[in-house]
Amino acid sequence: MKCSQIKKLKNGKSYSKLVFLTLLFPFFFVTNAKSKVWSLDECIEYALSNNVDIRIQKIQCKVKDIDLNTYRNSRLPKVSSTSTQQFSFGRSLTMENIYTNTNASQSNFSISFDVPVFSGFMILNQIRMTKDLQKSEILNLDQIKNDLRLKVTDAYLQILVDKEIKNVAKRQVTIDSSQVERMKILLSHGKLSYADLSQQKATLANSKMDFTESCNNLRMAVLTICQLMELRNPVDFFIIEPQELNIENMVPANPDDVYASALNTRPEIMSKQFLIKSAVANVKIAKAALYPQISMIGEIGSNYYNVNNSHNESFGKQMENNFSQEIGLQLAIPLFNRFSTRNTIRKAKLNIENNELALEKEKITLYNEIQQAYYNALNARAKYESCRTARACAQEAFEMMTVKYECGKAIITEFNESKNRLLKSISDLIQAKYDFIYKCQLLDFYRGKNLTL
């Protein structure tokens, strides 16, 4: 078939231009004007505000606040009041402090206090220990937030990937649909067999199936980020597509530099450090039981006696006459408690070693994660460069194949194979691009930088 005949069938329109325009221009989503369009920062902030794990951890932080307040208040006096009512039958003690064979009753009222003077610095170390535990819980909260930020960012990028792949699949359906219409014209002019048209219809059906699958993947990606954000309804959820990202200048940071920065910023490391400090304070608390305990005690009170068959003064008179005050110091010296204190100190020291090993393990885990992220970024960059080259080669090959096909020097099967290779190279390039972006963002995040696009 001559090229001039093909051009007449297209009414003067160049088929190659139609194909190239279809590949170059993306398919844009039409959104409802009332639907909220989310940026990455908004998604992260909303997720942080509604995540249940974060709210649970905040409660744990409040518990530590209460514990700290309790230990601070343990320096205050402990005041209590006591009242008793006694009845005696037979020989009873009278108000003259003698026993007589009669019935009597006695009422006692008192207020006592106890103020710690010296407790082996136990209260001071309890406050220090609780402060360190409080800081550790706050850092655990930050760790949960960091994990959530990474998950939301990953889900956000996955939506961008799936949207672009959906656009590619949409363009593929458009190209195959154009091919079917073109082949129908050729068939009507007797220039093509019905078998070739049927084959192209089958190709179109496969393209539509790929488009449906890409829509499903996008729907699941939206569902994933909505679940992370605790959004009940994923319908009408749209994200802001970032401007063209200049990834050519993105260079993965050196893992040793990232690790050095991470040691001073990562909450999981700092949390373990505060746990060690709290364990040291706990040893001092255990050693406080070896010191004498000194406290100031005091009491004020009065009583009322009522003896049968005897003259009893009035209640008010007796309360005034029997009013008493006491104050003193109480010294408690530990002598022997079956080695309980010694074993408590031993366990507290072992807890220090355990927390030190936990910190060392956390550092090793952190370095391994950073190192793995670095090499993943290098691999992602190499894959991106390869995909970009493959994309350019596939584009050039498709342009040449289009010219050959228009001039009748190639069959539809060869054209479809070239088209599929081009579309696959585009999909691979999209995934490689966002994978490289995420890996570089991850390294920067380990250094304490915010996740941005």
Protein backbone atom coordinates (compact mmCIF):
# COMPACT_ATOMS: atom_id res chain seq x y z
CA MET A 1 0.00 0.00 0.00
CA LYS A 2 1.37 3.44 -0.93
CA CYS A 3 1.93 6.22 1.57
CA SER A 4 -0.23 8.62 -0.46
CA GLN A 5 -3.20 6.25 -0.22
CA ILE A 6 -2.87 6.04 3.56
CA LYS A 7 -2.76 9.79 3.86
CA LYS A 8 -5.96 10.11 1.83
CA LEU A 9 -7.68 7.67 4.16
CA LYS A 10 -6.74 9.94 7.09
CA ASN A 11 -8.26 12.99 5.37
CA GLY A 12 -4.95 14.78 5.31
CA LYS A 13 -4.19 14.31 9.04
CA SER A 14 -0.86 12.81 10.01
CA TYR A 15 -1.35 9.68 12.08
CA SER A 16 2.09 9.94 13.61
CA LYS A 17 1.29 13.40 14.97
CA LEU A 18 -1.85 12.02 16.58
CA VAL A 19 0.12 9.27 18.28
CA PHE A 20 2.84 11.60 19.52
CA LEU A 21 0.38 14.14 20.87
CA THR A 22 -1.46 11.36 22.68
CA LEU A 23 1.76 10.19 24.31
CA LEU A 24 3.00 13.64 25.25
CA PHE A 25 -0.10 15.15 26.86
CA PRO A 26 -1.33 13.54 30.11
CA PHE A 27 -4.87 12.75 30.91
CA PHE A 28 -6.06 15.25 33.51
CA PHE A 29 -8.53 14.36 36.24
CA VAL A 30 -11.59 16.56 36.56
CA THR A 31 -12.29 17.14 40.23
CA ASN A 32 -15.24 18.56 42.05
CA ALA A 33 -14.64 22.17 43.00
CA LYS A 34 -15.90 21.46 46.51
CA SER A 35 -13.49 18.53 47.07
CA LYS A 36 -10.43 19.27 49.18
CA VAL A 37 -7.10 18.85 47.45
CA TRP A 38 -4.46 17.69 49.92
CA SER A 39 -0.80 18.58 49.96
CA LEU A 40 1.78 16.27 51.52
CA ASP A 41 2.16 18.53 54.58
CA GLU A 42 -1.61 18.62 55.09
CA CYS A 43 -1.86 14.84 54.85
CA ILE A 44 0.91 14.42 57.43
CA GLU A 45 -0.53 16.97 59.84
CA TYR A 46 -4.02 15.51 59.59
CA ALA A 47 -2.67 12.01 60.19
CA LEU A 48 -0.69 13.20 63.23
CA SER A 49 -3.82 14.83 64.67
CA ASN A 50 -6.05 11.78 64.33
CA ASN A 51 -3.80 8.75 64.73
CA VAL A 52 -4.91 6.51 67.60
CA ASP A 53 -1.39 5.29 68.46
CA ILE A 54 -0.26 8.89 68.91
CA ARG A 55 -3.20 9.66 71.17
CA ILE A 56 -2.43 6.57 73.26
CA GLN A 57 1.21 7.60 73.61
CA LYS A 58 0.15 11.11 74.65
CA ILE A 59 -1.77 9.50 77.50
CA GLN A 60 1.40 7.69 78.56
CA CYS A 61 3.19 11.04 78.63
CA LYS A 62 0.46 12.46 80.87
CA VAL A 63 0.85 9.48 83.19
CA LYS A 64 4.53 10.33 83.58
CA ASP A 65 3.56 13.93 84.34
CA ILE A 66 1.37 12.68 87.16
CA ASP A 67 4.16 10.41 88.46
CA LEU A 68 6.55 13.35 88.49
CA ASN A 69 4.05 15.48 90.37
CA THR A 70 3.60 12.66 92.91
CA TYR A 71 7.32 12.40 93.67
CA ARG A 72 7.69 16.17 93.94
CA ASN A 73 4.86 16.32 96.45
CA SER A 74 6.42 13.56 98.56
CA ARG A 75 8.56 16.27 100.16
CA LEU A 76 5.45 17.82 101.69
CA PRO A 77 4.16 16.88 105.15
CA LYS A 78 1.79 13.96 105.43
CA VAL A 79 -1.12 15.01 107.65
CA SER A 80 -3.88 12.73 108.94
CA SER A 81 -6.62 12.91 111.55
CA THR A 82 -7.84 10.11 113.81
CA SER A 83 -10.90 9.74 116.05
CA THR A 84 -11.82 6.71 118.15
CA GLN A 85 -14.70 5.76 120.39
CA GLN A 86 -14.19 3.04 123.03
CA PHE A 87 -16.57 1.35 125.46
CA SER A 88 -15.32 -0.54 128.54
CA PHE A 89 -17.26 -3.00 130.68
CA GLY A 90 -16.08 -4.27 134.06
CA ARG A 91 -12.85 -2.79 135.30
CA SER A 92 -12.24 0.41 133.36
CA LEU A 93 -9.67 3.18 133.34
CA THR A 94 -11.11 6.44 134.60
CA MET A 95 -9.98 9.97 133.87
CA GLU A 96 -8.01 9.87 137.16
CA ASN A 97 -5.96 7.09 135.58
CA ILE A 98 -7.18 4.43 138.02
CA TYR A 99 -9.13 1.27 137.37
CA THR A 100 -12.57 0.81 138.86
CA ASN A 101 -15.21 -1.87 138.49
CA THR A 102 -17.66 0.11 136.38
CA ASN A 103 -18.66 0.76 132.79
CA ALA A 104 -17.02 3.65 130.92
CA SER A 105 -16.62 5.18 127.49
CA GLN A 106 -13.75 7.13 125.99
CA SER A 107 -13.53 9.42 122.92
CA ASN A 108 -10.14 10.32 121.37
CA PHE A 109 -9.41 12.97 118.71
CA SER A 110 -5.98 13.67 117.17
CA ILE A 111 -4.19 15.18 114.16
CA SER A 112 -0.71 13.90 113.29
CA PHE A 113 1.90 14.83 110.71
CA ASP A 114 5.04 13.29 109.27
CA VAL A 115 7.70 15.31 107.38
CA PRO A 116 10.65 13.55 105.69
CA VAL A 117 13.92 15.19 106.70
CA PHE A 118 16.48 12.80 105.24
CA SER A 119 15.74 9.72 103.15
CA GLY A 120 19.11 8.95 101.63
CA PHE A 121 18.35 11.30 98.70
CA MET A 122 15.66 8.88 97.58
CA ILE A 123 13.09 11.58 96.79
CA LEU A 124 15.61 13.62 94.79
CA ASN A 125 16.59 10.60 92.70
CA GLN A 126 12.98 9.56 92.24
CA ILE A 127 12.30 12.98 90.72
CA ARG A 128 15.35 12.69 88.46
CA MET A 129 14.39 9.18 87.36
CA THR A 130 10.82 10.21 86.57
CA LYS A 131 12.02 13.24 84.57
CA ASP A 132 14.19 10.96 82.43
CA LEU A 133 11.35 8.50 81.95
CA GLN A 134 9.08 11.38 81.01
CA LYS A 135 11.54 12.57 78.36
CA SER A 136 11.84 9.01 77.07
CA GLU A 137 8.06 8.76 76.63
CA ILE A 138 7.99 12.08 74.78
CA LEU A 139 10.71 10.81 72.44
CA ASN A 140 8.76 7.59 71.93
CA LEU A 141 5.88 9.81 70.86
CA ASP A 142 8.18 11.53 68.37
CA GLN A 143 9.25 8.15 67.04
CA ILE A 144 5.64 7.14 66.41
CA LYS A 145 5.12 10.44 64.60
CA ASN A 146 8.21 9.86 62.45
CA ASP A 147 7.05 6.39 61.47
CA LEU A 148 3.68 7.80 60.51
CA ARG A 149 5.27 10.59 58.47
CA LEU A 150 7.22 8.02 56.47
CA LYS A 151 4.15 5.88 55.85
CA VAL A 152 2.07 8.85 54.71
CA THR A 153 4.84 10.08 52.42
CA ASP A 154 5.26 6.63 50.91
CA ALA A 155 1.51 6.37 50.34
CA TYR A 156 1.41 9.89 48.87
CA LEU A 157 4.15 9.06 46.38
CA GLN A 158 2.43 5.80 45.52
CA ILE A 159 -0.66 7.78 44.51
CA LEU A 160 1.49 9.95 42.24
CA VAL A 161 2.99 6.83 40.66
CA ASP A 162 -0.37 5.16 40.16
CA LYS A 163 -1.87 8.36 38.70
CA GLU A 164 0.86 8.64 36.09
CA ILE A 165 0.64 4.93 35.26
CA LYS A 166 -3.11 5.35 34.89
CA ASN A 167 -2.48 8.21 32.47
CA VAL A 168 -0.12 6.00 30.49
CA ALA A 169 -2.74 3.24 30.39
CA LYS A 170 -5.33 5.80 29.27
CA ARG A 171 -3.09 6.94 26.45
CA GLN A 172 -2.56 3.34 25.44
CA VAL A 173 -6.34 2.85 25.17
CA THR A 174 -6.55 6.03 23.07
CA ILE A 175 -3.84 4.83 20.67
CA ASP A 176 -5.37 1.37 20.31
CA SER A 177 -8.83 2.86 19.79
CA SER A 178 -7.43 5.06 17.03
CA GLN A 179 -5.84 2.00 15.47
CA VAL A 180 -9.15 0.14 15.49
CA GLU A 181 -10.92 3.04 13.78
CA ARG A 182 -8.14 3.35 11.25
CA MET A 183 -8.22 -0.38 10.46
CA LYS A 184 -12.00 -0.25 10.02
CA ILE A 185 -11.48 2.32 7.28
CA LEU A 186 -8.81 0.18 5.69
CA LEU A 187 -11.09 -2.85 5.90
CA SER A 188 -13.91 -0.96 4.20
CA HIS A 189 -11.57 -0.19 1.32
CA GLY A 190 -10.44 -3.79 1.07
CA LYS A 191 -6.89 -2.96 2.15
CA LEU A 192 -6.98 -5.09 5.31
CA SER A 193 -8.30 -8.45 6.41
CA TYR A 194 -10.89 -8.92 9.13
CA ALA A 195 -8.41 -11.10 11.05
CA ASP A 196 -6.06 -8.12 11.43
CA LEU A 197 -8.94 -6.01 12.72
CA SER A 198 -9.91 -8.72 15.21
CA GLN A 199 -6.33 -8.89 16.44
CA GLN A 200 -6.27 -5.15 17.01
CA LYS A 201 -9.60 -5.33 18.86
CA ALA A 202 -8.05 -7.93 21.14
CA THR A 203 -5.13 -5.57 21.74
CA LEU A 204 -7.58 -2.80 22.60
CA ALA A 205 -9.37 -5.10 25.05
CA ASN A 206 -6.05 -5.84 26.78
CA SER A 207 -5.30 -2.12 26.95
CA LYS A 208 -8.66 -1.48 28.57
CA MET A 209 -7.95 -4.26 31.05
CA ASP A 210 -4.60 -2.63 31.91
CA PHE A 211 -6.39 0.69 32.34
CA THR A 212 -8.93 -0.93 34.69
CA GLU A 213 -6.12 -2.47 36.72
CA SER A 214 -4.34 0.89 36.97
CA CYS A 215 -7.58 2.48 38.20
CA ASN A 216 -7.88 -0.24 40.84
CA ASN A 217 -4.29 0.29 41.97
CA LEU A 218 -4.90 4.03 42.27
CA ARG A 219 -8.08 3.40 44.23
CA MET A 220 -6.20 1.15 46.67
CA ALA A 221 -3.39 3.68 47.03
CA VAL A 222 -5.95 6.36 47.94
CA LEU A 223 -7.55 3.97 50.42
CA THR A 224 -4.16 3.32 52.03
CA ILE A 225 -3.40 6.98 52.70
CA CYS A 226 -6.96 7.63 53.89
CA GLN A 227 -6.63 4.82 56.42
CA LEU A 228 -3.33 6.27 57.63
CA MET A 229 -5.05 9.63 58.01
CA GLU A 230 -8.08 8.07 59.74
CA LEU A 231 -10.39 9.39 57.00
CA ARG A 232 -13.60 7.41 56.91
CA ASN A 233 -14.52 8.00 53.27
CA PRO A 234 -11.83 7.85 50.55
CA VAL A 235 -14.24 9.10 47.90
CA ASP A 236 -13.36 12.51 46.37
CA PHE A 237 -9.86 12.41 47.85
CA PHE A 238 -7.38 14.28 45.67
CA ILE A 239 -3.76 15.30 46.20
CA ILE A 240 -1.70 18.16 44.87
CA GLU A 241 0.67 17.04 42.17
CA PRO A 242 4.08 18.63 42.76
CA GLN A 243 5.74 20.77 40.16
CA GLU A 244 8.37 19.19 37.97
CA LEU A 245 10.97 17.84 40.36
CA ASN A 246 14.59 18.47 39.50
CA ILE A 247 15.95 15.08 40.42
CA GLU A 248 19.05 15.47 38.29
CA ASN A 249 20.74 17.36 41.13
CA MET A 250 19.63 14.90 43.81
CA VAL A 251 22.65 13.13 45.28
CA PRO A 252 22.32 10.57 48.11
CA ALA A 253 24.00 11.84 51.27
CA ASN A 254 27.01 9.98 52.63
CA PRO A 255 25.82 7.34 55.15
CA ASP A 256 28.50 8.20 57.73
CA ASP A 257 27.49 11.87 57.70
CA VAL A 258 23.82 10.92 57.93
CA TYR A 259 24.57 8.58 60.86
CA ALA A 260 26.53 11.26 62.72
CA SER A 261 23.60 13.66 62.40
CA ALA A 262 21.04 10.99 63.24
CA LEU A 263 22.71 10.18 66.57
CA ASN A 264 21.83 13.69 67.77
CA THR A 265 18.35 13.93 66.28
CA ARG A 266 16.71 10.51 66.09
CA PRO A 267 14.21 10.04 68.94
CA GLU A 268 14.78 6.27 69.22
CA ILE A 269 18.45 6.91 70.12
CA MET A 270 17.76 9.75 72.52
CA SER A 271 14.98 7.76 74.19
CA LYS A 272 17.40 4.92 75.00
CA GLN A 273 19.90 7.44 76.39
CA PHE A 274 17.33 8.81 78.82
CA LEU A 275 16.43 5.26 79.85
CA ILE A 276 20.07 4.75 80.83
CA LYS A 277 19.98 7.94 82.91
CA SER A 278 16.80 6.80 84.62
CA ALA A 279 18.40 3.42 85.36
CA VAL A 280 21.37 5.17 86.99
CA ALA A 281 18.97 7.17 89.16
CA ASN A 282 17.15 3.94 90.03
CA VAL A 283 20.41 2.50 91.42
CA LYS A 284 20.73 5.53 93.69
CA ILE A 285 17.14 5.02 94.80
CA ALA A 286 17.92 1.43 95.72
CA LYS A 287 21.04 2.52 97.64
CA ALA A 288 18.94 4.98 99.65
CA ALA A 289 17.64 2.02 101.66
CA LEU A 290 21.17 1.66 103.14
CA TYR A 291 21.02 5.10 104.76
CA PRO A 292 19.27 6.05 107.98
CA GLN A 293 15.84 7.60 107.51
CA ILE A 294 15.06 10.74 109.53
CA SER A 295 11.62 12.28 109.73
CA MET A 296 9.91 14.85 111.90
CA ILE A 297 6.69 13.71 113.55
CA GLY A 298 4.09 15.55 115.60
CA GLU A 299 0.60 15.17 116.98
CA ILE A 300 -2.08 17.23 118.68
CA GLY A 301 -5.16 15.74 120.28
CA SER A 302 -7.56 15.47 123.17
CA ASN A 303 -10.00 12.99 124.71
CA TYR A 304 -13.24 12.72 126.65
CA TYR A 305 -14.09 10.21 129.43
CA ASN A 306 -17.55 9.18 130.61
CA VAL A 307 -17.68 6.83 133.64
CA ASN A 308 -21.01 5.46 134.87
CA ASN A 309 -22.09 6.30 138.45
CA SER A 310 -19.42 9.01 138.62
CA HIS A 311 -19.23 12.77 138.30
CA ASN A 312 -18.04 13.58 134.77
CA GLU A 313 -16.95 17.00 133.65
CA SER A 314 -18.53 18.46 130.54
CA PHE A 315 -17.32 17.53 127.08
CA GLY A 316 -15.89 20.97 126.35
CA LYS A 317 -14.11 21.16 129.70
CA GLN A 318 -12.50 17.76 129.27
CA MET A 319 -11.43 18.53 125.68
CA GLU A 320 -9.75 21.69 126.94
CA ASN A 321 -8.10 20.05 129.94
CA ASN A 322 -6.92 16.95 128.03
CA PHE A 323 -5.54 18.83 125.00
CA SER A 324 -1.95 17.71 124.28
CA GLN A 325 0.82 18.47 121.71
CA GLU A 326 3.77 16.33 120.66
CA ILE A 327 6.68 16.89 118.27
CA GLY A 328 9.85 14.93 117.71
CA LEU A 329 12.34 13.34 115.35
CA GLN A 330 12.17 9.74 114.26
CA LEU A 331 15.35 7.91 113.27
CA ALA A 332 15.18 4.57 111.46
CA ILE A 333 18.50 2.77 110.97
CA PRO A 334 18.52 -0.27 108.64
CA LEU A 335 20.39 -3.16 110.21
CA PHE A 336 19.47 -6.38 108.38
CA ASN A 337 16.64 -7.10 105.95
CA ARG A 338 17.70 -10.52 104.64
CA PHE A 339 19.87 -8.98 101.85
CA SER A 340 16.81 -7.56 100.14
CA THR A 341 18.43 -4.14 99.61
CA ARG A 342 21.63 -5.67 98.26
CA ASN A 343 19.73 -7.72 95.69
CA THR A 344 17.63 -4.71 94.70
CA ILE A 345 20.83 -2.76 94.00
CA ARG A 346 22.21 -5.65 91.94
CA LYS A 347 19.07 -5.79 89.81
CA ALA A 348 19.16 -2.01 89.30
CA LYS A 349 22.78 -2.21 88.07
CA LEU A 350 21.87 -5.02 85.67
CA ASN A 351 19.10 -2.80 84.35
CA ILE A 352 21.76 -0.20 83.47
CA GLU A 353 23.70 -2.78 81.47
CA ASN A 354 20.52 -3.93 79.77
CA ASN A 355 19.65 -0.38 78.68
CA GLU A 356 23.21 0.23 77.49
CA LEU A 357 23.02 -2.88 75.31
CA ALA A 358 19.61 -1.76 74.04
CA LEU A 359 21.16 1.59 73.05
CA GLU A 360 24.04 -0.14 71.30
CA LYS A 361 21.62 -2.39 69.43
CA GLU A 362 19.51 0.63 68.43
CA LYS A 363 22.61 2.38 67.07
CA ILE A 364 23.56 -0.69 65.03
CA THR A 365 20.01 -0.94 63.69
CA LEU A 366 20.01 2.76 62.82
CA TYR A 367 23.33 2.54 60.98
CA ASN A 368 22.19 -0.54 59.07
CA GLU A 369 18.98 1.24 58.05
CA ILE A 370 20.91 4.32 56.90
CA GLN A 371 23.42 2.23 55.02
CA GLN A 372 20.66 0.22 53.36
CA ALA A 373 18.80 3.42 52.47
CA TYR A 374 21.99 4.84 50.94
CA TYR A 375 22.62 1.85 48.69
CA ASN A 376 18.94 1.67 47.83
CA ALA A 377 19.21 5.30 46.73
CA LEU A 378 22.27 4.51 44.61
CA ASN A 379 20.47 1.58 43.03
CA ALA A 380 17.36 3.70 42.47
CA ARG A 381 19.43 6.39 40.75
CA ALA A 382 21.14 3.83 38.52
CA LYS A 383 17.76 2.34 37.66
CA TYR A 384 16.38 5.78 36.90
CA GLU A 385 19.27 6.54 34.53
CA SER A 386 18.77 3.18 32.79
CA CYS A 387 15.02 3.71 32.50
CA ARG A 388 15.55 7.19 31.09
CA THR A 389 17.87 5.81 28.44
CA ALA A 390 15.45 2.99 27.69
CA ARG A 391 12.62 5.51 27.42
CA ALA A 392 14.53 7.61 24.89
CA CYS A 393 15.48 4.57 22.82
CA ALA A 394 11.94 3.21 22.91
CA GLN A 395 10.58 6.61 21.84
CA GLU A 396 12.97 6.79 18.90
CA ALA A 397 12.20 3.20 17.90
CA PHE A 398 8.47 3.86 18.08
CA GLU A 399 8.75 6.95 15.89
CA MET A 400 10.61 4.96 13.26
CA MET A 401 8.14 2.09 13.54
CA THR A 402 5.25 4.52 13.10
CA VAL A 403 6.74 5.80 9.85
CA LYS A 404 7.29 2.25 8.60
CA TYR A 405 3.78 1.24 9.57
CA GLU A 406 2.22 4.24 7.83
CA CYS A 407 4.09 3.35 4.66
CA GLY A 408 3.01 -0.28 4.83
CA LYS A 409 6.48 -1.63 5.59
CA ALA A 410 5.50 -3.01 9.00
CA ILE A 411 2.57 -5.06 10.20
CA ILE A 412 0.24 -4.23 13.06
CA THR A 413 1.91 -6.77 15.35
CA GLU A 414 5.28 -5.04 15.00
CA PHE A 415 3.65 -1.67 15.61
CA ASN A 416 1.94 -2.92 18.79
CA GLU A 417 5.13 -4.48 20.09
CA SER A 418 7.00 -1.21 19.61
CA LYS A 419 4.17 0.72 21.24
CA ASN A 420 4.06 -1.64 24.23
CA ARG A 421 7.81 -1.34 24.72
CA LEU A 422 7.48 2.43 24.74
CA LEU A 423 4.61 2.43 27.22
CA LYS A 424 6.41 -0.06 29.46
CA SER A 425 9.54 2.12 29.40
CA ILE A 426 7.41 5.12 30.40
CA SER A 427 5.85 3.18 33.30
CA ASP A 428 9.27 1.93 34.45
CA LEU A 429 10.65 5.47 34.30
CA ILE A 430 7.77 6.81 36.41
CA GLN A 431 8.27 4.20 39.11
CA ALA A 432 12.06 4.61 39.09
CA LYS A 433 11.74 8.40 39.38
CA TYR A 434 9.52 8.38 42.45
CA ASP A 435 11.44 5.52 44.01
CA PHE A 436 14.65 7.55 43.75
CA ILE A 437 12.92 10.62 45.17
CA TYR A 438 11.64 8.67 48.17
CA LYS A 439 15.05 7.10 48.86
CA CYS A 440 16.74 10.52 48.85
CA GLN A 441 13.99 11.97 51.04
CA LEU A 442 14.47 9.08 53.46
CA LEU A 443 18.18 9.83 53.86
CA ASP A 444 17.45 13.51 54.46
CA PHE A 445 14.78 12.52 56.98
CA TYR A 446 17.36 10.53 58.95
CA ARG A 447 19.39 13.74 59.13
CA GLY A 448 16.47 15.55 60.76
CA LYS A 449 15.03 17.30 57.70
CA ASN A 450 11.34 17.46 56.92
CA LEU A 451 9.73 15.35 54.23
CA THR A 452 8.87 17.60 51.30
CA LEU A 453 8.21 17.36 47.58
